N, C-alpha and C. Protein backbone atom coordinates (compact mmCIF):
# COMPACT_ATOMS: atom_id res chain seq x y z
N MET A 1 24.77 59.07 -29.09
CA MET A 1 25.89 58.78 -29.54
C MET A 1 25.65 57.61 -30.20
N ARG A 2 24.62 56.94 -30.81
CA ARG A 2 23.51 55.93 -32.06
C ARG A 2 24.68 56.96 -33.05
N ARG A 3 23.29 58.50 -32.65
CA ARG A 3 23.60 59.04 -34.05
C ARG A 3 24.91 58.99 -34.66
N TYR A 4 25.93 59.13 -34.06
CA TYR A 4 27.18 59.41 -34.54
C TYR A 4 28.60 58.38 -35.13
N VAL A 5 27.02 56.87 -33.95
CA VAL A 5 28.19 55.78 -35.24
C VAL A 5 27.55 55.28 -36.38
N LYS A 6 25.76 55.93 -36.26
CA LYS A 6 25.61 56.27 -38.15
C LYS A 6 26.77 56.75 -39.83
N GLU A 7 26.50 58.18 -38.19
CA GLU A 7 27.41 58.86 -38.87
C GLU A 7 28.52 58.62 -39.88
N LEU A 8 29.02 58.14 -38.98
CA LEU A 8 30.40 57.08 -39.15
C LEU A 8 30.51 55.86 -39.63
N GLN A 9 29.19 54.99 -39.97
CA GLN A 9 29.11 54.01 -41.26
C GLN A 9 29.06 54.94 -42.62
N MET A 10 27.97 55.24 -42.27
CA MET A 10 28.01 56.12 -43.07
C MET A 10 28.79 57.25 -44.39
N HIS A 11 30.17 57.58 -43.50
CA HIS A 11 31.05 58.26 -44.55
C HIS A 11 32.25 57.00 -44.22
N VAL A 12 31.91 55.74 -43.82
CA VAL A 12 32.91 54.40 -43.79
C VAL A 12 32.29 53.57 -45.12
N THR A 13 31.51 53.52 -45.83
CA THR A 13 30.54 53.00 -47.02
C THR A 13 31.34 53.93 -47.72
N PHE A 14 30.92 55.20 -47.95
CA PHE A 14 30.93 56.31 -48.59
C PHE A 14 32.49 56.42 -49.16
N PHE A 15 33.77 56.50 -48.27
CA PHE A 15 34.23 56.17 -48.58
C PHE A 15 35.74 55.20 -49.49
N THR A 16 35.00 53.92 -48.44
CA THR A 16 34.99 52.67 -49.47
C THR A 16 34.57 51.96 -50.85
N LYS A 17 32.91 53.03 -51.25
CA LYS A 17 33.08 52.85 -52.35
C LYS A 17 33.35 53.58 -52.92
N SER A 18 34.40 54.84 -52.74
CA SER A 18 34.77 55.64 -54.14
C SER A 18 36.21 55.03 -53.88
N ILE A 19 37.29 54.81 -52.95
CA ILE A 19 37.76 53.89 -53.33
C ILE A 19 37.84 52.66 -54.36
N GLU A 20 36.93 52.17 -54.31
CA GLU A 20 36.62 51.10 -54.65
C GLU A 20 36.08 51.59 -56.44
N ILE A 21 36.21 52.23 -56.61
CA ILE A 21 35.66 53.47 -58.00
C ILE A 21 36.61 54.00 -58.13
N LEU A 22 38.04 54.70 -57.35
CA LEU A 22 39.14 54.32 -57.76
C LEU A 22 39.66 53.46 -58.60
N LYS A 23 39.92 52.24 -57.77
CA LYS A 23 40.43 51.27 -58.37
C LYS A 23 40.49 50.72 -59.31
N LYS A 24 39.13 50.55 -59.90
CA LYS A 24 38.70 50.63 -61.46
C LYS A 24 38.98 51.53 -62.28
N PHE A 25 38.58 52.85 -61.92
CA PHE A 25 39.37 53.70 -62.39
C PHE A 25 40.95 53.63 -63.29
N LEU A 26 41.82 53.57 -61.89
CA LEU A 26 42.88 53.14 -62.26
C LEU A 26 43.92 52.23 -63.18
N ILE A 27 42.63 50.73 -62.55
CA ILE A 27 43.08 49.51 -63.49
C ILE A 27 42.34 49.49 -64.84
N ASP A 28 40.77 50.75 -65.29
CA ASP A 28 40.82 50.85 -66.58
C ASP A 28 42.37 51.88 -67.73
N LYS A 29 42.31 52.27 -66.85
CA LYS A 29 43.68 54.13 -67.07
C LYS A 29 45.06 52.90 -67.94
N LEU A 30 45.62 52.22 -66.66
CA LEU A 30 46.64 51.82 -66.61
C LEU A 30 46.16 50.54 -68.19
N ASN A 31 45.11 49.72 -67.75
CA ASN A 31 44.78 49.12 -69.39
C ASN A 31 45.05 50.00 -70.82
N GLY A 32 44.01 50.77 -70.71
CA GLY A 32 44.05 51.61 -71.90
C GLY A 32 45.78 51.35 -72.30
N PHE A 33 46.48 52.47 -71.20
CA PHE A 33 48.43 52.79 -71.29
C PHE A 33 48.73 52.07 -72.05
N ASN A 34 48.73 50.97 -70.56
CA ASN A 34 49.90 49.25 -72.01
C ASN A 34 48.70 49.20 -73.30
N LEU A 35 47.81 49.34 -74.04
CA LEU A 35 47.49 48.61 -74.48
C LEU A 35 47.63 49.94 -76.11
N LYS A 36 47.14 51.25 -75.47
CA LYS A 36 47.80 52.07 -76.60
C LYS A 36 50.18 51.85 -76.89
N SER A 37 50.62 51.55 -75.85
CA SER A 37 52.48 51.73 -75.76
C SER A 37 52.51 50.05 -76.52
N ARG A 38 51.63 49.25 -76.72
CA ARG A 38 52.13 48.39 -77.43
C ARG A 38 51.96 48.54 -78.40
N ARG A 39 50.84 48.79 -79.36
CA ARG A 39 50.80 48.64 -80.43
C ARG A 39 50.03 50.69 -80.97
N PRO A 40 51.47 51.77 -80.73
CA PRO A 40 50.71 52.15 -81.10
C PRO A 40 51.06 53.18 -82.73
N LYS A 41 51.29 51.92 -83.85
CA LYS A 41 51.86 51.68 -85.13
C LYS A 41 50.44 51.82 -85.49
N GLU A 42 49.65 50.37 -85.23
CA GLU A 42 48.44 49.88 -85.84
C GLU A 42 47.34 50.92 -85.71
N VAL A 43 47.40 51.32 -84.68
CA VAL A 43 45.78 52.31 -84.61
C VAL A 43 46.12 53.47 -85.94
N PRO A 44 45.20 54.05 -86.74
CA PRO A 44 45.68 54.30 -87.12
C PRO A 44 45.02 55.81 -87.20
N GLN A 45 45.43 57.23 -87.57
CA GLN A 45 45.54 58.04 -86.38
C GLN A 45 44.73 59.18 -87.49
N LYS A 46 43.51 59.45 -86.81
CA LYS A 46 42.82 60.44 -87.75
C LYS A 46 42.89 62.27 -86.96
N CYS A 47 43.51 62.93 -88.04
CA CYS A 47 43.89 64.30 -87.56
C CYS A 47 42.63 65.35 -87.93
C-alpha cells in the first residue's frame, strides 16, 4: 500500500510540474503573439 502511495505522489508531482511548464509555455506564446500583432510593420522582415 505504501508503495502505491509513493507511485501516486510521483505521478501527481510530475503532473503538476508538466502543467506549470505548459502554463509558462502558453503564456510565453500569448505574449509573443500579442507583441507581433501590436507592431507588425516595425519589424523588418528578412526573406
